[in-house]
Amino acid sequence: MEYILNLFITNNIVFAALESVDTLVDKLVAQIVNPLIGLAFAVAFVYFCYGVIEFIMNRDKEDKRTAGKQHMIWGIIGMAIMVSVFGIINLIMSTIGA
């Protein structure tokens, strides 16, 4: 009987620890990861806008237009990566039930 009681108490402690880990992961994602993703997305968007401005302002200079195109491409790639990261994190969180 004592063994069953100890096993029951141990299982409850493990489940309580797992719930606190889920809560910790939820808080980390909500408070740290999501704002970092948003910040990185904003930086990529500003980089894209800089490329657009550089492209438009330098109609006569082909080298500056090429640099503007590259900035736009890398800005779009950066935004796509951030959207993908956000989606992957949400997929993982919903898969593990957190």
PDB file of N, CA and C in Angstrom:
ATOM      1  N   MET A   1       0.822  -1.191   0.000  1.00  0.00           N
ATOM      2  CA  MET A   1       0.000   0.000   0.000  1.00  0.00           C
ATOM      3  C   MET A   1       0.863   1.250   0.000  1.00  0.00           C
ATOM      4  N   GLU A   2       1.955   1.214   0.738  1.00  0.00           N
ATOM      5  CA  GLU A   2       2.840   2.364   0.802  1.00  0.00           C
ATOM      6  C   GLU A   2       3.476   2.629  -0.557  1.00  0.00           C
ATOM      7  N   TYR A   3       3.808   1.567  -1.294  1.00  0.00           N
ATOM      8  CA  TYR A   3       4.395   1.705  -2.622  1.00  0.00           C
ATOM      9  C   TYR A   3       3.421   2.424  -3.570  1.00  0.00           C
ATOM     10  N   ILE A   4       2.165   2.065  -3.523  1.00  0.00           N
ATOM     11  CA  ILE A   4       1.148   2.679  -4.386  1.00  0.00           C
ATOM     12  C   ILE A   4       0.977   4.154  -4.014  1.00  0.00           C
ATOM     13  N   LEU A   5       0.983   4.456  -2.727  1.00  0.00           N
ATOM     14  CA  LEU A   5       0.861   5.843  -2.283  1.00  0.00           C
ATOM     15  C   LEU A   5       2.061   6.666  -2.749  1.00  0.00           C
ATOM     16  N   ASN A   6       3.263   6.124  -2.621  1.00  0.00           N
ATOM     17  CA  ASN A   6       4.467   6.814  -3.081  1.00  0.00           C
ATOM     18  C   ASN A   6       4.446   7.027  -4.593  1.00  0.00           C
ATOM     19  N   LEU A   7       3.991   6.015  -5.326  1.00  0.00           N
ATOM     20  CA  LEU A   7       3.892   6.126  -6.776  1.00  0.00           C
ATOM     21  C   LEU A   7       2.880   7.204  -7.165  1.00  0.00           C
ATOM     22  N   PHE A   8       1.771   7.255  -6.463  1.00  0.00           N
ATOM     23  CA  PHE A   8       0.744   8.263  -6.728  1.00  0.00           C
ATOM     24  C   PHE A   8       1.283   9.668  -6.473  1.00  0.00           C
ATOM     25  N   ILE A   9       1.986   9.840  -5.363  1.00  0.00           N
ATOM     26  CA  ILE A   9       2.555  11.146  -5.025  1.00  0.00           C
ATOM     27  C   ILE A   9       3.622  11.536  -6.048  1.00  0.00           C
ATOM     28  N   THR A  10       4.472  10.592  -6.439  1.00  0.00           N
ATOM     29  CA  THR A  10       5.512  10.852  -7.425  1.00  0.00           C
ATOM     30  C   THR A  10       4.905  11.257  -8.764  1.00  0.00           C
ATOM     31  N   ASN A  11       3.863  10.552  -9.191  1.00  0.00           N
ATOM     32  CA  ASN A  11       3.199  10.886 -10.453  1.00  0.00           C
ATOM     33  C   ASN A  11       2.588  12.283 -10.398  1.00  0.00           C
ATOM     34  N   ASN A  12       1.995  12.645  -9.287  1.00  0.00           N
ATOM     35  CA  ASN A  12       1.418  13.984  -9.155  1.00  0.00           C
ATOM     36  C   ASN A  12       2.489  15.068  -9.213  1.00  0.00           C
ATOM     37  N   ILE A  13       3.630  14.796  -8.608  1.00  0.00           N
ATOM     38  CA  ILE A  13       4.730  15.758  -8.647  1.00  0.00           C
ATOM     39  C   ILE A  13       5.240  15.915 -10.079  1.00  0.00           C
ATOM     40  N   VAL A  14       5.368  14.804 -10.791  1.00  0.00           N
ATOM     41  CA  VAL A  14       5.836  14.854 -12.184  1.00  0.00           C
ATOM     42  C   VAL A  14       4.850  15.632 -13.050  1.00  0.00           C
ATOM     43  N   PHE A  15       3.564  15.366 -12.905  1.00  0.00           N
ATOM     44  CA  PHE A  15       2.564  16.085 -13.690  1.00  0.00           C
ATOM     45  C   PHE A  15       2.544  17.569 -13.343  1.00  0.00           C
ATOM     46  N   ALA A  16       2.728  17.899 -12.090  1.00  0.00           N
ATOM     47  CA  ALA A  16       2.778  19.305 -11.689  1.00  0.00           C
ATOM     48  C   ALA A  16       4.007  19.983 -12.304  1.00  0.00           C
ATOM     49  N   ALA A  17       5.124  19.273 -12.331  1.00  0.00           N
ATOM     50  CA  ALA A  17       6.339  19.823 -12.926  1.00  0.00           C
ATOM     51  C   ALA A  17       6.152  20.028 -14.430  1.00  0.00           C
ATOM     52  N   LEU A  18       5.502  19.076 -15.090  1.00  0.00           N
ATOM     53  CA  LEU A  18       5.253  19.221 -16.521  1.00  0.00           C
ATOM     54  C   LEU A  18       4.328  20.395 -16.815  1.00  0.00           C
ATOM     55  N   GLU A  19       3.336  20.605 -15.974  1.00  0.00           N
ATOM     56  CA  GLU A  19       2.453  21.753 -16.162  1.00  0.00           C
ATOM     57  C   GLU A  19       3.218  23.060 -15.981  1.00  0.00           C
ATOM     58  N   SER A  20       4.131  23.094 -15.019  1.00  0.00           N
ATOM     59  CA  SER A  20       4.897  24.327 -14.826  1.00  0.00           C
ATOM     60  C   SER A  20       5.868  24.556 -15.982  1.00  0.00           C
ATOM     61  N   VAL A  21       6.387  23.484 -16.578  1.00  0.00           N
ATOM     62  CA  VAL A  21       7.251  23.624 -17.747  1.00  0.00           C
ATOM     63  C   VAL A  21       6.446  24.157 -18.923  1.00  0.00           C
ATOM     64  N   ASP A  22       5.235  23.646 -19.118  1.00  0.00           N
ATOM     65  CA  ASP A  22       4.369  24.161 -20.184  1.00  0.00           C
ATOM     66  C   ASP A  22       4.071  25.640 -19.975  1.00  0.00           C
ATOM     67  N   THR A  23       3.799  26.013 -18.742  1.00  0.00           N
ATOM     68  CA  THR A  23       3.537  27.419 -18.439  1.00  0.00           C
ATOM     69  C   THR A  23       4.774  28.263 -18.711  1.00  0.00           C
ATOM     70  N   LEU A  24       5.933  27.754 -18.338  1.00  0.00           N
ATOM     71  CA  LEU A  24       7.183  28.464 -18.580  1.00  0.00           C
ATOM     72  C   LEU A  24       7.421  28.640 -20.073  1.00  0.00           C
ATOM     73  N   VAL A  25       7.224  27.586 -20.840  1.00  0.00           N
ATOM     74  CA  VAL A  25       7.420  27.663 -22.287  1.00  0.00           C
ATOM     75  C   VAL A  25       6.442  28.666 -22.893  1.00  0.00           C
ATOM     76  N   ASP A  26       5.186  28.621 -22.469  1.00  0.00           N
ATOM     77  CA  ASP A  26       4.196  29.579 -22.965  1.00  0.00           C
ATOM     78  C   ASP A  26       4.620  31.016 -22.686  1.00  0.00           C
ATOM     79  N   LYS A  27       5.100  31.262 -21.474  1.00  0.00           N
ATOM     80  CA  LYS A  27       5.518  32.616 -21.110  1.00  0.00           C
ATOM     81  C   LYS A  27       6.754  33.044 -21.893  1.00  0.00           C
ATOM     82  N   LEU A  28       7.716  32.130 -22.077  1.00  0.00           N
ATOM     83  CA  LEU A  28       8.913  32.454 -22.845  1.00  0.00           C
ATOM     84  C   LEU A  28       8.566  32.813 -24.285  1.00  0.00           C
ATOM     85  N   VAL A  29       7.691  32.032 -24.874  1.00  0.00           N
ATOM     86  CA  VAL A  29       7.299  32.307 -26.257  1.00  0.00           C
ATOM     87  C   VAL A  29       6.551  33.629 -26.342  1.00  0.00           C
ATOM     88  N   ALA A  30       5.622  33.849 -25.417  1.00  0.00           N
ATOM     89  CA  ALA A  30       4.804  35.063 -25.468  1.00  0.00           C
ATOM     90  C   ALA A  30       5.604  36.323 -25.140  1.00  0.00           C
ATOM     91  N   GLN A  31       6.530  36.229 -24.196  1.00  0.00           N
ATOM     92  CA  GLN A  31       7.231  37.415 -23.719  1.00  0.00           C
ATOM     93  C   GLN A  31       8.564  37.689 -24.413  1.00  0.00           C
ATOM     94  N   ILE A  32       9.199  36.653 -24.955  1.00  0.00           N
ATOM     95  CA  ILE A  32      10.531  36.846 -25.529  1.00  0.00           C
ATOM     96  C   ILE A  32      10.566  36.523 -27.022  1.00  0.00           C
ATOM     97  N   VAL A  33      10.140  35.325 -27.392  1.00  0.00           N
ATOM     98  CA  VAL A  33      10.297  34.876 -28.783  1.00  0.00           C
ATOM     99  C   VAL A  33       9.420  35.680 -29.738  1.00  0.00           C
ATOM    100  N   ASN A  34       8.138  35.821 -29.431  1.00  0.00           N
ATOM    101  CA  ASN A  34       7.249  36.553 -30.333  1.00  0.00           C
ATOM    102  C   ASN A  34       7.663  38.012 -30.531  1.00  0.00           C
ATOM    103  N   PRO A  35       8.043  38.747 -29.475  1.00  0.00           N
ATOM    104  CA  PRO A  35       8.527  40.114 -29.727  1.00  0.00           C
ATOM    105  C   PRO A  35       9.809  40.163 -30.562  1.00  0.00           C
ATOM    106  N   LEU A  36      10.702  39.185 -30.369  1.00  0.00           N
ATOM    107  CA  LEU A  36      11.922  39.151 -31.182  1.00  0.00           C
ATOM    108  C   LEU A  36      11.596  38.892 -32.649  1.00  0.00           C
ATOM    109  N   ILE A  37      10.639  38.009 -32.900  1.00  0.00           N
ATOM    110  CA  ILE A  37      10.225  37.749 -34.279  1.00  0.00           C
ATOM    111  C   ILE A  37       9.614  39.009 -34.880  1.00  0.00           C
ATOM    112  N   GLY A  38       8.780  39.693 -34.116  1.00  0.00           N
ATOM    113  CA  GLY A  38       8.191  40.939 -34.592  1.00  0.00           C
ATOM    114  C   GLY A  38       9.242  41.999 -34.888  1.00  0.00           C
ATOM    115  N   LEU A  39      10.236  42.107 -34.019  1.00  0.00           N
ATOM    116  CA  LEU A  39      11.315  43.067 -34.232  1.00  0.00           C
ATOM    117  C   LEU A  39      12.109  42.724 -35.490  1.00  0.00           C
ATOM    118  N   ALA A  40      12.442  41.465 -35.656  1.00  0.00           N
ATOM    119  CA  ALA A  40      13.189  41.050 -36.851  1.00  0.00           C
ATOM    120  C   ALA A  40      12.367  41.285 -38.115  1.00  0.00           C
ATOM    121  N   PHE A  41      11.052  41.052 -38.043  1.00  0.00           N
ATOM    122  CA  PHE A  41      10.185  41.319 -39.180  1.00  0.00           C
ATOM    123  C   PHE A  41      10.184  42.808 -39.501  1.00  0.00           C
ATOM    124  N   ALA A  42      10.117  43.641 -38.476  1.00  0.00           N
ATOM    125  CA  ALA A  42      10.132  45.092 -38.689  1.00  0.00           C
ATOM    126  C   ALA A  42      11.449  45.547 -39.311  1.00  0.00           C
ATOM    127  N   VAL A  43      12.564  44.978 -38.870  1.00  0.00           N
ATOM    128  CA  VAL A  43      13.865  45.328 -39.443  1.00  0.00           C
ATOM    129  C   VAL A  43      13.916  44.926 -40.916  1.00  0.00           C
ATOM    130  N   ALA A  44      13.411  43.741 -41.237  1.00  0.00           N
ATOM    131  CA  ALA A  44      13.389  43.292 -42.631  1.00  0.00           C
ATOM    132  C   ALA A  44      12.504  44.200 -43.481  1.00  0.00           C
ATOM    133  N   PHE A  45      11.386  44.644 -42.922  1.00  0.00           N
ATOM    134  CA  PHE A  45      10.491  45.541 -43.657  1.00  0.00           C
ATOM    135  C   PHE A  45      11.152  46.892 -43.906  1.00  0.00           C
ATOM    136  N   VAL A  46      11.833  47.421 -42.908  1.00  0.00           N
ATOM    137  CA  VAL A  46      12.536  48.697 -43.085  1.00  0.00           C
ATOM    138  C   VAL A  46      13.639  48.543 -44.128  1.00  0.00           C
ATOM    139  N   TYR A  47      14.337  47.424 -44.119  1.00  0.00           N
ATOM    140  CA  TYR A  47      15.384  47.156 -45.103  1.00  0.00           C
ATOM    141  C   TYR A  47      14.790  47.096 -46.512  1.00  0.00           C
ATOM    142  N   PHE A  48      13.623  46.455 -46.631  1.00  0.00           N
ATOM    143  CA  PHE A  48      12.919  46.402 -47.906  1.00  0.00           C
ATOM    144  C   PHE A  48      12.549  47.809 -48.361  1.00  0.00           C
ATOM    145  N   CYS A  49      11.995  48.614 -47.472  1.00  0.00           N
ATOM    146  CA  CYS A  49      11.599  49.989 -47.818  1.00  0.00           C
ATOM    147  C   CYS A  49      12.809  50.827 -48.213  1.00  0.00           C
ATOM    148  N   TYR A  50      13.921  50.620 -47.531  1.00  0.00           N
ATOM    149  CA  TYR A  50      15.159  51.308 -47.904  1.00  0.00           C
ATOM    150  C   TYR A  50      15.558  50.938 -49.327  1.00  0.00           C
ATOM    151  N   GLY A  51      15.421  49.678 -49.687  1.00  0.00           N
ATOM    152  CA  GLY A  51      15.734  49.237 -51.043  1.00  0.00           C
ATOM    153  C   GLY A  51      14.819  49.875 -52.075  1.00  0.00           C
ATOM    154  N   VAL A  52      13.533  49.989 -51.734  1.00  0.00           N
ATOM    155  CA  VAL A  52      12.588  50.634 -52.649  1.00  0.00           C
ATOM    156  C   VAL A  52      12.964  52.097 -52.860  1.00  0.00           C
ATOM    157  N   ILE A  53      13.274  52.782 -51.780  1.00  0.00           N
ATOM    158  CA  ILE A  53      13.653  54.201 -51.881  1.00  0.00           C
ATOM    159  C   ILE A  53      14.941  54.351 -52.685  1.00  0.00           C
ATOM    160  N   GLU A  54      15.894  53.484 -52.407  1.00  0.00           N
ATOM    161  CA  GLU A  54      17.160  53.538 -53.140  1.00  0.00           C
ATOM    162  C   GLU A  54      16.933  53.263 -54.629  1.00  0.00           C
ATOM    163  N   PHE A  55      16.058  52.343 -54.939  1.00  0.00           N
ATOM    164  CA  PHE A  55      15.757  51.996 -56.321  1.00  0.00           C
ATOM    165  C   PHE A  55      15.089  53.166 -57.047  1.00  0.00           C
ATOM    166  N   ILE A  56      14.141  53.813 -56.385  1.00  0.00           N
ATOM    167  CA  ILE A  56      13.393  54.905 -57.013  1.00  0.00           C
ATOM    168  C   ILE A  56      14.237  56.168 -57.136  1.00  0.00           C
ATOM    169  N   MET A  57      15.014  56.475 -56.125  1.00  0.00           N
ATOM    170  CA  MET A  57      15.771  57.729 -56.108  1.00  0.00           C
ATOM    171  C   MET A  57      16.936  57.730 -57.100  1.00  0.00           C
ATOM    172  N   ASN A  58      17.426  56.573 -57.461  1.00  0.00           N
ATOM    173  CA  ASN A  58      18.606  56.486 -58.329  1.00  0.00           C
ATOM    174  C   ASN A  58      18.232  55.898 -59.687  1.00  0.00           C
ATOM    175  N   ARG A  59      17.355  56.583 -60.395  1.00  0.00           N
ATOM    176  CA  ARG A  59      16.912  56.091 -61.700  1.00  0.00           C
ATOM    177  C   ARG A  59      18.046  56.063 -62.711  1.00  0.00           C
ATOM    178  N   ASP A  60      18.972  56.983 -62.597  1.00  0.00           N
ATOM    179  CA  ASP A  60      20.027  57.122 -63.599  1.00  0.00           C
ATOM    180  C   ASP A  60      21.253  56.256 -63.310  1.00  0.00           C
ATOM    181  N   LYS A  61      21.432  55.850 -62.080  1.00  0.00           N
ATOM    182  CA  LYS A  61      22.639  55.103 -61.699  1.00  0.00           C
ATOM    183  C   LYS A  61      22.294  53.625 -61.582  1.00  0.00           C
ATOM    184  N   GLU A  62      22.798  52.854 -62.531  1.00  0.00           N
ATOM    185  CA  GLU A  62      22.455  51.441 -62.599  1.00  0.00           C
ATOM    186  C   GLU A  62      23.009  50.655 -61.402  1.00  0.00           C
ATOM    187  N   ASP A  63      24.193  51.018 -60.929  1.00  0.00           N
ATOM    188  CA  ASP A  63      24.762  50.292 -59.793  1.00  0.00           C
ATOM    189  C   ASP A  63      23.949  50.506 -58.518  1.00  0.00           C
ATOM    190  N   LYS A  64      23.426  51.720 -58.328  1.00  0.00           N
ATOM    191  CA  LYS A  64      22.587  52.003 -57.156  1.00  0.00           C
ATOM    192  C   LYS A  64      21.231  51.308 -57.279  1.00  0.00           C
ATOM    193  N   ARG A  65      20.716  51.238 -58.506  1.00  0.00           N
ATOM    194  CA  ARG A  65      19.440  50.531 -58.724  1.00  0.00           C
ATOM    195  C   ARG A  65      19.613  49.045 -58.424  1.00  0.00           C
ATOM    196  N   THR A  66      20.737  48.481 -58.840  1.00  0.00           N
ATOM    197  CA  THR A  66      21.010  47.070 -58.562  1.00  0.00           C
ATOM    198  C   THR A  66      21.121  46.835 -57.059  1.00  0.00           C
ATOM    199  N   ALA A  67      21.762  47.754 -56.358  1.00  0.00           N
ATOM    200  CA  ALA A  67      21.860  47.632 -54.896  1.00  0.00           C
ATOM    201  C   ALA A  67      20.467  47.731 -54.270  1.00  0.00           C
ATOM    202  N   GLY A  68      19.630  48.623 -54.777  1.00  0.00           N
ATOM    203  CA  GLY A  68      18.261  48.737 -54.277  1.00  0.00           C
ATOM    204  C   GLY A  68      17.467  47.457 -54.504  1.00  0.00           C
ATOM    205  N   LYS A  69      17.650  46.854 -55.671  1.00  0.00           N
ATOM    206  CA  LYS A  69      16.975  45.577 -55.957  1.00  0.00           C
ATOM    207  C   LYS A  69      17.423  44.507 -54.961  1.00  0.00           C
ATOM    208  N   GLN A  70      18.728  44.459 -54.702  1.00  0.00           N
ATOM    209  CA  GLN A  70      19.251  43.463 -53.752  1.00  0.00           C
ATOM    210  C   GLN A  70      18.688  43.690 -52.352  1.00  0.00           C
ATOM    211  N   HIS A  71      18.574  44.945 -51.942  1.00  0.00           N
ATOM    212  CA  HIS A  71      17.999  45.242 -50.625  1.00  0.00           C
ATOM    213  C   HIS A  71      16.534  44.807 -50.567  1.00  0.00           C
ATOM    214  N   MET A  72      15.807  45.041 -51.640  1.00  0.00           N
ATOM    215  CA  MET A  72      14.401  44.612 -51.669  1.00  0.00           C
ATOM    216  C   MET A  72      14.298  43.089 -51.593  1.00  0.00           C
ATOM    217  N   ILE A  73      15.134  42.402 -52.344  1.00  0.00           N
ATOM    218  CA  ILE A  73      15.097  40.934 -52.338  1.00  0.00           C
ATOM    219  C   ILE A  73      15.418  40.398 -50.953  1.00  0.00           C
ATOM    220  N   TRP A  74      16.474  40.920 -50.328  1.00  0.00           N
ATOM    221  CA  TRP A  74      16.859  40.427 -49.005  1.00  0.00           C
ATOM    222  C   TRP A  74      15.830  40.805 -47.942  1.00  0.00           C
ATOM    223  N   GLY A  75      15.184  41.947 -48.114  1.00  0.00           N
ATOM    224  CA  GLY A  75      14.105  42.317 -47.200  1.00  0.00           C
ATOM    225  C   GLY A  75      12.938  41.344 -47.302  1.00  0.00           C
ATOM    226  N   ILE A  76      12.570  40.975 -48.521  1.00  0.00           N
ATOM    227  CA  ILE A  76      11.483  40.000 -48.716  1.00  0.00           C
ATOM    228  C   ILE A  76      11.877  38.643 -48.160  1.00  0.00           C
ATOM    229  N   ILE A  77      13.109  38.232 -48.393  1.00  0.00           N
ATOM    230  CA  ILE A  77      13.575  36.944 -47.851  1.00  0.00           C
ATOM    231  C   ILE A  77      13.535  36.968 -46.324  1.00  0.00           C
ATOM    232  N   GLY A  78      13.968  38.068 -45.733  1.00  0.00           N
ATOM    233  CA  GLY A  78      13.939  38.191 -44.270  1.00  0.00           C
ATOM    234  C   GLY A  78      12.527  38.121 -43.719  1.00  0.00           C
ATOM    235  N   MET A  79      11.589  38.806 -44.385  1.00  0.00           N
ATOM    236  CA  MET A  79      10.193  38.762 -43.929  1.00  0.00           C
ATOM    237  C   MET A  79       9.613  37.363 -44.082  1.00  0.00           C
ATOM    238  N   ALA A  80       9.950  36.688 -45.182  1.00  0.00           N
ATOM    239  CA  ALA A  80       9.459  35.319 -45.383  1.00  0.00           C
ATOM    240  C   ALA A  80       9.999  34.379 -44.312  1.00  0.00           C
ATOM    241  N   ILE A  81      11.255  34.553 -43.958  1.00  0.00           N
ATOM    242  CA  ILE A  81      11.850  33.716 -42.907  1.00  0.00           C
ATOM    243  C   ILE A  81      11.149  33.965 -41.574  1.00  0.00           C
ATOM    244  N   MET A  82      10.872  35.216 -41.246  1.00  0.00           N
ATOM    245  CA  MET A  82      10.215  35.521 -39.973  1.00  0.00           C
ATOM    246  C   MET A  82       8.796  34.972 -39.924  1.00  0.00           C
ATOM    247  N   VAL A  83       8.074  35.056 -41.022  1.00  0.00           N
ATOM    248  CA  VAL A  83       6.727  34.470 -41.064  1.00  0.00           C
ATOM    249  C   VAL A  83       6.826  32.960 -40.903  1.00  0.00           C
ATOM    250  N   SER A  84       7.817  32.341 -41.542  1.00  0.00           N
ATOM    251  CA  SER A  84       8.002  30.896 -41.424  1.00  0.00           C
ATOM    252  C   SER A  84       8.359  30.491 -39.996  1.00  0.00           C
ATOM    253  N   VAL A  85       9.238  31.245 -39.370  1.00  0.00           N
ATOM    254  CA  VAL A  85       9.624  30.948 -37.982  1.00  0.00           C
ATOM    255  C   VAL A  85       8.407  31.037 -37.065  1.00  0.00           C
ATOM    256  N   PHE A  86       7.617  32.084 -37.246  1.00  0.00           N
ATOM    257  CA  PHE A  86       6.409  32.246 -36.434  1.00  0.00           C
ATOM    258  C   PHE A  86       5.460  31.059 -36.641  1.00  0.00           C
ATOM    259  N   GLY A  87       5.284  30.645 -37.886  1.00  0.00           N
ATOM    260  CA  GLY A  87       4.419  29.497 -38.177  1.00  0.00           C
ATOM    261  C   GLY A  87       4.949  28.199 -37.597  1.00  0.00           C
ATOM    262  N   ILE A  88       6.256  27.986 -37.705  1.00  0.00           N
ATOM    263  CA  ILE A  88       6.855  26.762 -37.168  1.00  0.00           C
ATOM    264  C   ILE A  88       6.720  26.725 -35.649  1.00  0.00           C
ATOM    265  N   ILE A  89       6.958  27.845 -34.990  1.00  0.00           N
ATOM    266  CA  ILE A  89       6.827  27.886 -33.530  1.00  0.00           C
ATOM    267  C   ILE A  89       5.389  27.599 -33.119  1.00  0.00           C
ATOM    268  N   ASN A  90       4.422  28.198 -33.820  1.00  0.00           N
ATOM    269  CA  ASN A  90       3.018  27.927 -33.495  1.00  0.00           C
ATOM    270  C   ASN A  90       2.652  26.480 -33.757  1.00  0.00           C
ATOM    271  N   LEU A  91       3.191  25.889 -34.815  1.00  0.00           N
ATOM    272  CA  LEU A  91       2.938  24.478 -35.101  1.00  0.00           C
ATOM    273  C   LEU A  91       3.500  23.589 -34.000  1.00  0.00           C
ATOM    274  N   ILE A  92       4.717  23.863 -33.574  1.00  0.00           N
ATOM    275  CA  ILE A  92       5.321  23.076 -32.501  1.00  0.00           C
ATOM    276  C   ILE A  92       4.551  23.235 -31.204  1.00  0.00           C
ATOM    277  N   MET A  93       4.170  24.476 -30.891  1.00  0.00           N
ATOM    278  CA  MET A  93       3.438  24.716 -29.645  1.00  0.00           C
ATOM    279  C   MET A  93       2.077  24.009 -29.656  1.00  0.00           C
ATOM    280  N   SER A  94       1.394  24.019 -30.797  1.00  0.00           N
ATOM    281  CA  SER A  94       0.098  23.340 -30.837  1.00  0.00           C
ATOM    282  C   SER A  94       0.263  21.826 -30.864  1.00  0.00           C
ATOM    283  N   THR A  95       1.370  21.330 -31.407  1.00  0.00           N
ATOM    284  CA  THR A  95       1.611  19.896 -31.442  1.00  0.00           C
ATOM    285  C   THR A  95       1.878  19.346 -30.046  1.00  0.00           C
ATOM    286  N   ILE A  96       2.680  20.072 -29.251  1.00  0.00           N
ATOM    287  CA  ILE A  96       2.988  19.582 -27.904  1.00  0.00           C
ATOM    288  C   ILE A  96       1.897  19.983 -26.904  1.00  0.00           C
ATOM    289  N   GLY A  97       0.940  20.769 -27.373  1.00  0.00           N
ATOM    290  CA  GLY A  97      -0.182  21.123 -26.512  1.00  0.00           C
ATOM    291  C   GLY A  97       0.103  22.241 -25.538  1.00  0.00           C
ATOM    292  N   ALA A  98       1.091  23.030 -25.836  1.00  0.00           N
ATOM    293  CA  ALA A  98       1.426  24.138 -24.932  1.00  0.00           C
ATOM    294  C   ALA A  98       0.657  25.376 -25.325  1.00  0.00           C
TER     295      ALA A  98
END
